[in-house]
Amino acid sequence: MSCPICDKPADARYRPFCSRRCADVDLGRWLRGSYAIPAEADPDDDLPQDPPQRH
């Protein structure tokens, strides 16, 4: 298995990465929102929502 960041061989301590640096690079990408899962917009999301009822 190779590191998904730099393609060097993975190290068991940082698997699937080769080093702490590459693991941190990946974490930074997640935190910045660089990775995203594509999804189709739900048409119902555009409809106005009724406010919650108070009892």
PDB file of N, CA and C in Angstrom:
ATOM      1  N   MET A   1       0.853  -1.168   0.000  1.00  0.00           N
ATOM      2  CA  MET A   1       0.000   0.000   0.000  1.00  0.00           C
ATOM      3  C   MET A   1       0.899   1.231   0.000  1.00  0.00           C
ATOM      4  N   SER A   2       0.533   2.212  -0.787  1.00  0.00           N
ATOM      5  CA  SER A   2       1.320   3.437  -0.830  1.00  0.00           C
ATOM      6  C   SER A   2       0.542   4.588  -0.178  1.00  0.00           C
ATOM      7  N   CYS A   3       1.282   5.562   0.289  1.00  0.00           N
ATOM      8  CA  CYS A   3       0.712   6.727   0.954  1.00  0.00           C
ATOM      9  C   CYS A   3      -0.177   7.500  -0.026  1.00  0.00           C
ATOM     10  N   PRO A   4      -1.414   7.842   0.358  1.00  0.00           N
ATOM     11  CA  PRO A   4      -2.302   8.565  -0.551  1.00  0.00           C
ATOM     12  C   PRO A   4      -1.865  10.022  -0.778  1.00  0.00           C
ATOM     13  N   ILE A   5      -0.933  10.520   0.024  1.00  0.00           N
ATOM     14  CA  ILE A   5      -0.486  11.902  -0.134  1.00  0.00           C
ATOM     15  C   ILE A   5       0.736  11.982  -1.048  1.00  0.00           C
ATOM     16  N   CYS A   6       1.758  11.138  -0.793  1.00  0.00           N
ATOM     17  CA  CYS A   6       3.017  11.266  -1.546  1.00  0.00           C
ATOM     18  C   CYS A   6       3.431  10.011  -2.316  1.00  0.00           C
ATOM     19  N   ASP A   7       2.680   8.942  -2.213  1.00  0.00           N
ATOM     20  CA  ASP A   7       2.929   7.674  -2.916  1.00  0.00           C
ATOM     21  C   ASP A   7       4.138   6.885  -2.417  1.00  0.00           C
ATOM     22  N   LYS A   8       4.739   7.260  -1.296  1.00  0.00           N
ATOM     23  CA  LYS A   8       5.800   6.450  -0.700  1.00  0.00           C
ATOM     24  C   LYS A   8       5.158   5.245  -0.019  1.00  0.00           C
ATOM     25  N   PRO A   9       5.922   4.203   0.276  1.00  0.00           N
ATOM     26  CA  PRO A   9       5.358   3.039   0.984  1.00  0.00           C
ATOM     27  C   PRO A   9       4.789   3.447   2.357  1.00  0.00           C
ATOM     28  N   ALA A  10       3.653   2.899   2.700  1.00  0.00           N
ATOM     29  CA  ALA A  10       3.000   3.222   3.974  1.00  0.00           C
ATOM     30  C   ALA A  10       3.802   2.649   5.142  1.00  0.00           C
ATOM     31  N   ASP A  11       3.767   3.354   6.267  1.00  0.00           N
ATOM     32  CA  ASP A  11       4.408   2.915   7.505  1.00  0.00           C
ATOM     33  C   ASP A  11       3.301   2.415   8.425  1.00  0.00           C
ATOM     34  N   ALA A  12       3.503   1.265   9.050  1.00  0.00           N
ATOM     35  CA  ALA A  12       2.468   0.669   9.904  1.00  0.00           C
ATOM     36  C   ALA A  12       2.040   1.610  11.026  1.00  0.00           C
ATOM     37  N   ARG A  13       2.949   2.458  11.513  1.00  0.00           N
ATOM     38  CA  ARG A  13       2.596   3.382  12.610  1.00  0.00           C
ATOM     39  C   ARG A  13       1.623   4.464  12.169  1.00  0.00           C
ATOM     40  N   TYR A  14       1.643   4.818  10.881  1.00  0.00           N
ATOM     41  CA  TYR A  14       0.818   5.924  10.391  1.00  0.00           C
ATOM     42  C   TYR A  14      -0.144   5.477   9.303  1.00  0.00           C
ATOM     43  N   ARG A  15      -0.338   4.185   9.170  1.00  0.00           N
ATOM     44  CA  ARG A  15      -1.132   3.610   8.109  1.00  0.00           C
ATOM     45  C   ARG A  15      -2.444   4.332   7.912  1.00  0.00           C
ATOM     46  N   PRO A  16      -2.858   4.714   6.746  1.00  0.00           N
ATOM     47  CA  PRO A  16      -2.304   4.357   5.441  1.00  0.00           C
ATOM     48  C   PRO A  16      -1.224   5.321   4.952  1.00  0.00           C
ATOM     49  N   PHE A  17      -0.743   6.203   5.809  1.00  0.00           N
ATOM     50  CA  PHE A  17       0.250   7.194   5.402  1.00  0.00           C
ATOM     51  C   PHE A  17       1.662   6.682   5.655  1.00  0.00           C
ATOM     52  N   CYS A  18       2.646   7.410   5.124  1.00  0.00           N
ATOM     53  CA  CYS A  18       4.044   7.012   5.299  1.00  0.00           C
ATOM     54  C   CYS A  18       4.677   7.701   6.496  1.00  0.00           C
ATOM     55  N   SER A  19       4.082   8.785   6.959  1.00  0.00           N
ATOM     56  CA  SER A  19       4.687   9.563   8.042  1.00  0.00           C
ATOM     57  C   SER A  19       3.627  10.401   8.749  1.00  0.00           C
ATOM     58  N   ARG A  20       4.019  10.949   9.869  1.00  0.00           N
ATOM     59  CA  ARG A  20       3.132  11.852  10.618  1.00  0.00           C
ATOM     60  C   ARG A  20       2.818  13.087   9.787  1.00  0.00           C
ATOM     61  N   ARG A  21       3.812  13.552   9.019  1.00  0.00           N
ATOM     62  CA  ARG A  21       3.615  14.733   8.183  1.00  0.00           C
ATOM     63  C   ARG A  21       2.476  14.517   7.186  1.00  0.00           C
ATOM     64  N   CYS A  22       2.492  13.393   6.478  1.00  0.00           N
ATOM     65  CA  CYS A  22       1.434  13.126   5.497  1.00  0.00           C
ATOM     66  C   CYS A  22       0.080  12.942   6.183  1.00  0.00           C
ATOM     67  N   ALA A  23       0.062  12.335   7.354  1.00  0.00           N
ATOM     68  CA  ALA A  23      -1.188  12.210   8.103  1.00  0.00           C
ATOM     69  C   ALA A  23      -1.718  13.590   8.474  1.00  0.00           C
ATOM     70  N   ASP A  24      -0.829  14.499   8.878  1.00  0.00           N
ATOM     71  CA  ASP A  24      -1.242  15.856   9.225  1.00  0.00           C
ATOM     72  C   ASP A  24      -1.712  16.650   8.002  1.00  0.00           C
ATOM     73  N   VAL A  25      -1.069  16.431   6.862  1.00  0.00           N
ATOM     74  CA  VAL A  25      -1.510  17.075   5.618  1.00  0.00           C
ATOM     75  C   VAL A  25      -2.937  16.645   5.302  1.00  0.00           C
ATOM     76  N   ASP A  26      -3.218  15.359   5.430  1.00  0.00           N
ATOM     77  CA  ASP A  26      -4.559  14.842   5.166  1.00  0.00           C
ATOM     78  C   ASP A  26      -5.578  15.434   6.146  1.00  0.00           C
ATOM     79  N   LEU A  27      -5.224  15.481   7.432  1.00  0.00           N
ATOM     80  CA  LEU A  27      -6.118  16.066   8.428  1.00  0.00           C
ATOM     81  C   LEU A  27      -6.410  17.524   8.102  1.00  0.00           C
ATOM     82  N   GLY A  28      -5.397  18.270   7.713  1.00  0.00           N
ATOM     83  CA  GLY A  28      -5.586  19.664   7.336  1.00  0.00           C
ATOM     84  C   GLY A  28      -6.535  19.817   6.166  1.00  0.00           C
ATOM     85  N   ARG A  29      -6.448  18.925   5.211  1.00  0.00           N
ATOM     86  CA  ARG A  29      -7.369  18.977   4.068  1.00  0.00           C
ATOM     87  C   ARG A  29      -8.809  18.740   4.504  1.00  0.00           C
ATOM     88  N   TRP A  30      -9.006  17.799   5.431  1.00  0.00           N
ATOM     89  CA  TRP A  30     -10.360  17.552   5.952  1.00  0.00           C
ATOM     90  C   TRP A  30     -10.877  18.781   6.699  1.00  0.00           C
ATOM     91  N   LEU A  31     -10.027  19.368   7.534  1.00  0.00           N
ATOM     92  CA  LEU A  31     -10.459  20.506   8.348  1.00  0.00           C
ATOM     93  C   LEU A  31     -10.764  21.747   7.501  1.00  0.00           C
ATOM     94  N   ARG A  32     -10.050  21.923   6.391  1.00  0.00           N
ATOM     95  CA  ARG A  32     -10.309  23.056   5.494  1.00  0.00           C
ATOM     96  C   ARG A  32     -11.508  22.806   4.595  1.00  0.00           C
ATOM     97  N   GLY A  33     -11.985  21.581   4.549  1.00  0.00           N
ATOM     98  CA  GLY A  33     -13.118  21.256   3.677  1.00  0.00           C
ATOM     99  C   GLY A  33     -12.694  20.961   2.251  1.00  0.00           C
ATOM    100  N   SER A  34     -11.421  20.608   2.046  1.00  0.00           N
ATOM    101  CA  SER A  34     -10.945  20.294   0.700  1.00  0.00           C
ATOM    102  C   SER A  34     -11.558  19.004   0.168  1.00  0.00           C
ATOM    103  N   TYR A  35     -11.923  18.106   1.065  1.00  0.00           N
ATOM    104  CA  TYR A  35     -12.576  16.871   0.666  1.00  0.00           C
ATOM    105  C   TYR A  35     -14.083  17.048   0.823  1.00  0.00           C
ATOM    106  N   ALA A  36     -14.826  16.545  -0.130  1.00  0.00           N
ATOM    107  CA  ALA A  36     -16.277  16.620  -0.050  1.00  0.00           C
ATOM    108  C   ALA A  36     -16.873  15.394  -0.729  1.00  0.00           C
ATOM    109  N   ILE A  37     -17.986  14.958  -0.232  1.00  0.00           N
ATOM    110  CA  ILE A  37     -18.706  13.845  -0.824  1.00  0.00           C
ATOM    111  C   ILE A  37     -19.792  14.444  -1.709  1.00  0.00           C
ATOM    112  N   PRO A  38     -19.745  14.168  -3.013  1.00  0.00           N
ATOM    113  CA  PRO A  38     -20.752  14.740  -3.897  1.00  0.00           C
ATOM    114  C   PRO A  38     -22.138  14.177  -3.590  1.00  0.00           C
ATOM    115  N   ALA A  39     -23.111  15.039  -3.683  1.00  0.00           N
ATOM    116  CA  ALA A  39     -24.493  14.624  -3.449  1.00  0.00           C
ATOM    117  C   ALA A  39     -25.414  15.487  -4.298  1.00  0.00           C
ATOM    118  N   GLU A  40     -26.543  14.918  -4.623  1.00  0.00           N
ATOM    119  CA  GLU A  40     -27.541  15.686  -5.355  1.00  0.00           C
ATOM    120  C   GLU A  40     -28.384  16.459  -4.350  1.00  0.00           C
ATOM    121  N   ALA A  41     -28.748  17.672  -4.723  1.00  0.00           N
ATOM    122  CA  ALA A  41     -29.567  18.504  -3.842  1.00  0.00           C
ATOM    123  C   ALA A  41     -30.967  17.918  -3.730  1.00  0.00           C
ATOM    124  N   ASP A  42     -31.514  17.948  -2.553  1.00  0.00           N
ATOM    125  CA  ASP A  42     -32.872  17.489  -2.306  1.00  0.00           C
ATOM    126  C   ASP A  42     -33.816  18.656  -2.597  1.00  0.00           C
ATOM    127  N   PRO A  43     -34.753  18.512  -3.543  1.00  0.00           N
ATOM    128  CA  PRO A  43     -35.648  19.626  -3.876  1.00  0.00           C
ATOM    129  C   PRO A  43     -36.468  20.098  -2.672  1.00  0.00           C
ATOM    130  N   ASP A  44     -36.723  19.222  -1.714  1.00  0.00           N
ATOM    131  CA  ASP A  44     -37.498  19.627  -0.532  1.00  0.00           C
ATOM    132  C   ASP A  44     -36.717  20.570   0.374  1.00  0.00           C
ATOM    133  N   ASP A  45     -35.391  20.630   0.224  1.00  0.00           N
ATOM    134  CA  ASP A  45     -34.588  21.521   1.052  1.00  0.00           C
ATOM    135  C   ASP A  45     -34.877  22.990   0.757  1.00  0.00           C
ATOM    136  N   ASP A  46     -35.395  23.283  -0.424  1.00  0.00           N
ATOM    137  CA  ASP A  46     -35.680  24.665  -0.798  1.00  0.00           C
ATOM    138  C   ASP A  46     -37.029  25.150  -0.283  1.00  0.00           C
ATOM    139  N   LEU A  47     -37.861  24.245   0.208  1.00  0.00           N
ATOM    140  CA  LEU A  47     -39.176  24.634   0.697  1.00  0.00           C
ATOM    141  C   LEU A  47     -39.068  25.274   2.080  1.00  0.00           C
ATOM    142  N   PRO A  48     -39.864  26.313   2.342  1.00  0.00           N
ATOM    143  CA  PRO A  48     -39.814  26.911   3.680  1.00  0.00           C
ATOM    144  C   PRO A  48     -40.309  25.929   4.729  1.00  0.00           C
ATOM    145  N   GLN A  49     -39.718  25.976   5.880  1.00  0.00           N
ATOM    146  CA  GLN A  49     -40.080  25.088   6.976  1.00  0.00           C
ATOM    147  C   GLN A  49     -40.988  25.825   7.953  1.00  0.00           C
ATOM    148  N   ASP A  50     -41.988  25.115   8.470  1.00  0.00           N
ATOM    149  CA  ASP A  50     -42.842  25.701   9.504  1.00  0.00           C
ATOM    150  C   ASP A  50     -42.059  25.741  10.800  1.00  0.00           C
ATOM    151  N   PRO A  51     -42.198  26.848  11.560  1.00  0.00           N
ATOM    152  CA  PRO A  51     -41.498  26.900  12.837  1.00  0.00           C
ATOM    153  C   PRO A  51     -42.058  25.871  13.801  1.00  0.00           C
ATOM    154  N   PRO A  52     -41.263  25.382  14.731  1.00  0.00           N
ATOM    155  CA  PRO A  52     -41.773  24.406  15.707  1.00  0.00           C
ATOM    156  C   PRO A  52     -42.884  25.025  16.547  1.00  0.00           C
ATOM    157  N   GLN A  53     -43.874  24.199  16.859  1.00  0.00           N
ATOM    158  CA  GLN A  53     -45.020  24.655  17.662  1.00  0.00           C
ATOM    159  C   GLN A  53     -44.667  24.651  19.130  1.00  0.00           C
ATOM    160  N   ARG A  54     -45.030  25.718  19.853  1.00  0.00           N
ATOM    161  CA  ARG A  54     -44.825  25.774  21.295  1.00  0.00           C
ATOM    162  C   ARG A  54     -46.115  25.370  21.979  1.00  0.00           C
ATOM    163  N   HIS A  55     -45.992  24.596  23.015  1.00  0.00           N
ATOM    164  CA  HIS A  55     -47.187  24.133  23.758  1.00  0.00           C
ATOM    165  C   HIS A  55     -47.254  24.788  25.087  1.00  0.00           C
TER     166      HIS A  55
END
